[in-house]
C-alpha atoms as a PDB file:
ATOM      1  CA  MET A   1       4.218  64.287  12.412  1.00  0.00           C
ATOM      2  CA  HIS A   2       3.636  67.786  10.164  1.00  0.00           C
ATOM      3  CA  VAL A   3       3.386  70.120  13.855  1.00  0.00           C
ATOM      4  CA  ARG A   4       6.431  68.982  14.801  1.00  0.00           C
ATOM      5  CA  ASP A   5       9.053  69.722  12.152  1.00  0.00           C
ATOM      6  CA  ALA A   6       7.398  72.818  11.386  1.00  0.00           C
ATOM      7  CA  ASN A   7       8.352  73.660  14.634  1.00  0.00           C
ATOM      8  CA  ALA A   8      10.878  72.901  13.668  1.00  0.00           C
ATOM      9  CA  LEU A   9      11.359  74.973  11.102  1.00  0.00           C
ATOM     10  CA  ARG A  10      10.177  77.634  12.924  1.00  0.00           C
ATOM     11  CA  ALA A  11      12.164  77.106  15.684  1.00  0.00           C
ATOM     12  CA  LYS A  12      15.448  77.376  13.978  1.00  0.00           C
ATOM     13  CA  ARG A  13      14.662  81.150  13.288  1.00  0.00           C
ATOM     14  CA  GLY A  14      13.420  81.986  16.376  1.00  0.00           C
ATOM     15  CA  LEU A  15      10.490  81.808  15.862  1.00  0.00           C
ATOM     16  CA  SER A  16       7.371  80.726  18.162  1.00  0.00           C
ATOM     17  CA  HIS A  17       5.825  77.336  18.006  1.00  0.00           C
ATOM     18  CA  LEU A  18       2.377  76.905  16.021  1.00  0.00           C
ATOM     19  CA  GLN A  19       0.554  75.704  18.463  1.00  0.00           C
ATOM     20  CA  VAL A  20      -3.000  72.789  17.245  1.00  0.00           C
ATOM     21  CA  GLY A  21      -5.992  74.433  16.223  1.00  0.00           C
ATOM     22  CA  SER A  22      -9.636  74.923  16.578  1.00  0.00           C
ATOM     23  CA  ILE A  23     -11.916  71.426  16.099  1.00  0.00           C
ATOM     24  CA  ALA A  24     -13.378  74.342  13.204  1.00  0.00           C
ATOM     25  CA  MET A  25     -10.450  74.605  11.574  1.00  0.00           C
ATOM     26  CA  TYR A  26      -9.822  70.683  11.814  1.00  0.00           C
ATOM     27  CA  ASP A  27     -12.801  70.322  10.041  1.00  0.00           C
ATOM     28  CA  ASN A  28     -12.357  72.319   6.776  1.00  0.00           C
ATOM     29  CA  ALA A  29      -8.650  70.859   6.418  1.00  0.00           C
ATOM     30  CA  VAL A  30     -10.134  67.561   6.717  1.00  0.00           C
ATOM     31  CA  ARG A  31     -13.457  68.076   4.571  1.00  0.00           C
ATOM     32  CA  HIS A  32     -11.255  70.224   2.416  1.00  0.00           C
ATOM     33  CA  SER A  33      -8.788  66.741   1.951  1.00  0.00           C
ATOM     34  CA  THR A  34     -10.734  64.835   2.237  1.00  0.00           C
ATOM     35  CA  ARG A  35     -12.592  66.192  -1.060  1.00  0.00           C
ATOM     36  CA  MET A  36      -9.024  66.622  -3.248  1.00  0.00           C
ATOM     37  CA  GLY A  37      -8.695  62.398  -1.774  1.00  0.00           C
ATOM     38  CA  HIS A  38     -11.851  61.500  -4.263  1.00  0.00           C
ATOM     39  CA  GLY A  39     -11.379  63.802  -6.659  1.00  0.00           C
ATOM     40  CA  ALA A  40     -12.252  67.106  -6.687  1.00  0.00           C
ATOM     41  CA  PRO A  41      -9.600  69.284  -8.438  1.00  0.00           C
ATOM     42  CA  PHE A  42      -6.229  69.222  -6.277  1.00  0.00           C
ATOM     43  CA  ASP A  43      -6.608  73.248  -5.531  1.00  0.00           C
ATOM     44  CA  HIS A  44      -6.541  75.798  -2.264  1.00  0.00           C
ATOM     45  CA  GLN A  45      -9.703  77.309  -0.766  1.00  0.00           C
ATOM     46  CA  PRO A  46      -9.790  80.856  -0.797  1.00  0.00           C
ATOM     47  CA  ILE A  47     -10.048  82.050   3.053  1.00  0.00           C
ATOM     48  CA  ARG A  48     -11.759  85.163   4.026  1.00  0.00           C
ATOM     49  CA  LYS A  49     -11.654  86.088   8.137  1.00  0.00           C
ATOM     50  CA  GLY A  50     -14.315  84.146   9.940  1.00  0.00           C
ATOM     51  CA  VAL A  51     -15.634  82.252   6.500  1.00  0.00           C
ATOM     52  CA  ARG A  52     -13.985  79.941   4.046  1.00  0.00           C
ATOM     53  CA  VAL A  53     -15.215  81.126   1.232  1.00  0.00           C
ATOM     54  CA  GLY A  54     -18.130  78.923  -1.031  1.00  0.00           C
ATOM     55  CA  LYS A  55     -18.364  76.113   2.174  1.00  0.00           C
ATOM     56  CA  GLY A  56     -19.853  78.091   4.717  1.00  0.00           C
ATOM     57  CA  LEU A  57     -17.835  76.780   7.115  1.00  0.00           C
ATOM     58  CA  PRO A  58     -16.782  78.436  10.512  1.00  0.00           C
ATOM     59  CA  CYS A  59     -13.284  79.608  10.071  1.00  0.00           C
ATOM     60  CA  GLU A  60     -12.430  81.657  12.541  1.00  0.00           C
ATOM     61  CA  ALA A  61      -8.410  82.732  12.280  1.00  0.00           C
ATOM     62  CA  GLU A  62      -7.642  86.198  11.696  1.00  0.00           C
ATOM     63  CA  LEU A  63      -4.274  85.174   9.614  1.00  0.00           C
ATOM     64  CA  SER A  64      -4.692  81.769   7.713  1.00  0.00           C
ATOM     65  CA  ALA A  65      -2.381  80.824   4.799  1.00  0.00           C
ATOM     66  CA  GLU A  66      -2.538  77.540   3.456  1.00  0.00           C
ATOM     67  CA  ASN A  67      -1.016  74.910   1.950  1.00  0.00           C
ATOM     68  CA  ILE A  68      -1.620  70.949   0.264  1.00  0.00           C
ATOM     69  CA  ALA A  69       0.401  68.299  -1.274  1.00  0.00           C
ATOM     70  CA  GLN A  70      -0.066  64.898  -2.341  1.00  0.00           C
ATOM     71  CA  ASN A  71       2.532  61.900  -2.531  1.00  0.00           C
ATOM     72  CA  ASN A  72       2.726  58.449  -2.799  1.00  0.00           C
ATOM     73  CA  VAL A  73       4.330  57.582   0.319  1.00  0.00           C
ATOM     74  CA  PRO A  74       2.650  54.750   2.092  1.00  0.00           C
ATOM     75  CA  PHE A  75       2.268  54.450   5.394  1.00  0.00           C
ATOM     76  CA  SER A  76       3.986  52.174   6.030  1.00  0.00           C
ATOM     77  CA  GLY A  77       7.075  53.371   9.076  1.00  0.00           C
ATOM     78  CA  GLN A  78       9.240  53.265   6.219  1.00  0.00           C
ATOM     79  CA  ALA A  79       8.991  56.758   5.096  1.00  0.00           C
ATOM     80  CA  ASP A  80       7.343  59.693   6.727  1.00  0.00           C
ATOM     81  CA  PRO A  81       4.697  61.612   4.488  1.00  0.00           C
ATOM     82  CA  ALA A  82       4.150  64.314   7.118  1.00  0.00           C
ATOM     83  CA  LYS A  83       8.078  65.189   6.961  1.00  0.00           C
ATOM     84  CA  ILE A  84       8.303  65.073   3.461  1.00  0.00           C
ATOM     85  CA  CYS A  85       6.006  67.435   3.300  1.00  0.00           C
ATOM     86  CA  VAL A  86       7.042  69.828   5.327  1.00  0.00           C
ATOM     87  CA  ASP A  87      11.086  69.583   3.812  1.00  0.00           C
ATOM     88  CA  ASP A  88       8.972  69.830  -0.286  1.00  0.00           C
ATOM     89  CA  TRP A  89       8.111  73.026   1.573  1.00  0.00           C
ATOM     90  CA  GLU A  90      11.216  74.179   3.033  1.00  0.00           C
ATOM     91  CA  ASP A  91      12.060  74.272  -0.800  1.00  0.00           C
ATOM     92  CA  SER A  92       9.098  75.944  -1.912  1.00  0.00           C
ATOM     93  CA  PRO A  93       9.070  79.986  -1.322  1.00  0.00           C
ATOM     94  CA  GLY A  94       5.756  80.344  -0.483  1.00  0.00           C
ATOM     95  CA  HIS A  95       4.232  78.070   1.366  1.00  0.00           C
ATOM     96  CA  LEU A  96       7.856  78.017   3.446  1.00  0.00           C
ATOM     97  CA  SER A  97       6.705  82.106   4.409  1.00  0.00           C
ATOM     98  CA  ASN A  98       3.497  80.813   5.546  1.00  0.00           C
ATOM     99  CA  MET A  99       5.207  78.733   7.876  1.00  0.00           C
ATOM    100  CA  LEU A 100       7.639  81.167   8.961  1.00  0.00           C
ATOM    101  CA  ASP A 101       4.491  84.058   9.366  1.00  0.00           C
ATOM    102  CA  ALA A 102       4.486  85.708  12.376  1.00  0.00           C
ATOM    103  CA  GLY A 103       0.873  86.245  12.199  1.00  0.00           C
ATOM    104  CA  ASN A 104       0.327  82.950  11.919  1.00  0.00           C
ATOM    105  CA  VAL A 105      -0.323  81.162  15.718  1.00  0.00           C
ATOM    106  CA  ASN A 106      -2.701  78.171  15.315  1.00  0.00           C
ATOM    107  CA  THR A 107      -2.246  74.898  12.616  1.00  0.00           C
ATOM    108  CA  VAL A 108      -4.159  71.615  11.952  1.00  0.00           C
ATOM    109  CA  ILE A 109      -3.960  69.536   9.005  1.00  0.00           C
ATOM    110  CA  GLY A 110      -6.117  67.579   7.362  1.00  0.00           C
ATOM    111  CA  ILE A 111      -4.679  64.263   5.498  1.00  0.00           C
ATOM    112  CA  CYS A 112      -6.905  61.466   2.634  1.00  0.00           C
ATOM    113  CA  ILE A 113      -5.474  58.049   2.255  1.00  0.00           C
ATOM    114  CA  ASP A 114      -6.909  56.414  -0.370  1.00  0.00           C
ATOM    115  CA  THR A 115      -6.671  53.241   0.054  1.00  0.00           C
ATOM    116  CA  GLU A 116      -6.369  52.358  -3.523  1.00  0.00           C
ATOM    117  CA  ASP A 117      -4.602  51.110  -6.409  1.00  0.00           C
END
C-alpha cells in the first residue's frame, strides 16, 4: 500500500507519518486518476488552496503535492503496483521531495484499473 511504503520512507528520515486524507481529497484523486486512465493527458493538476484549478473540486489542504504514476503491473499477487510506484518515486528527486516534505501531513491515492489490453 502506498501509505505504508511512503511512511516507511519518511520514518527512515525521522519524519512523521502521513495520515489518510479526507473524502474530498480522495474524490479529487480518484476523479483525476479515472480521467487519465480513460484517455485524458497523463499530467499533474494545478492546485491552489481550496480549489483544484479548472475542476472546481474542493481541496482543503494548505499545502499540496502530487505524485502520479502509471505501470502495467497486474494485480496478480506477484507484484505490488503501489510499492513499485513508491520505489520509482524514491529514485526521482521531485517525487521524493513531495513524499519527504515535512509540511505534507495527509495523503490519498487514486487508482484507475484498466481492464482492457
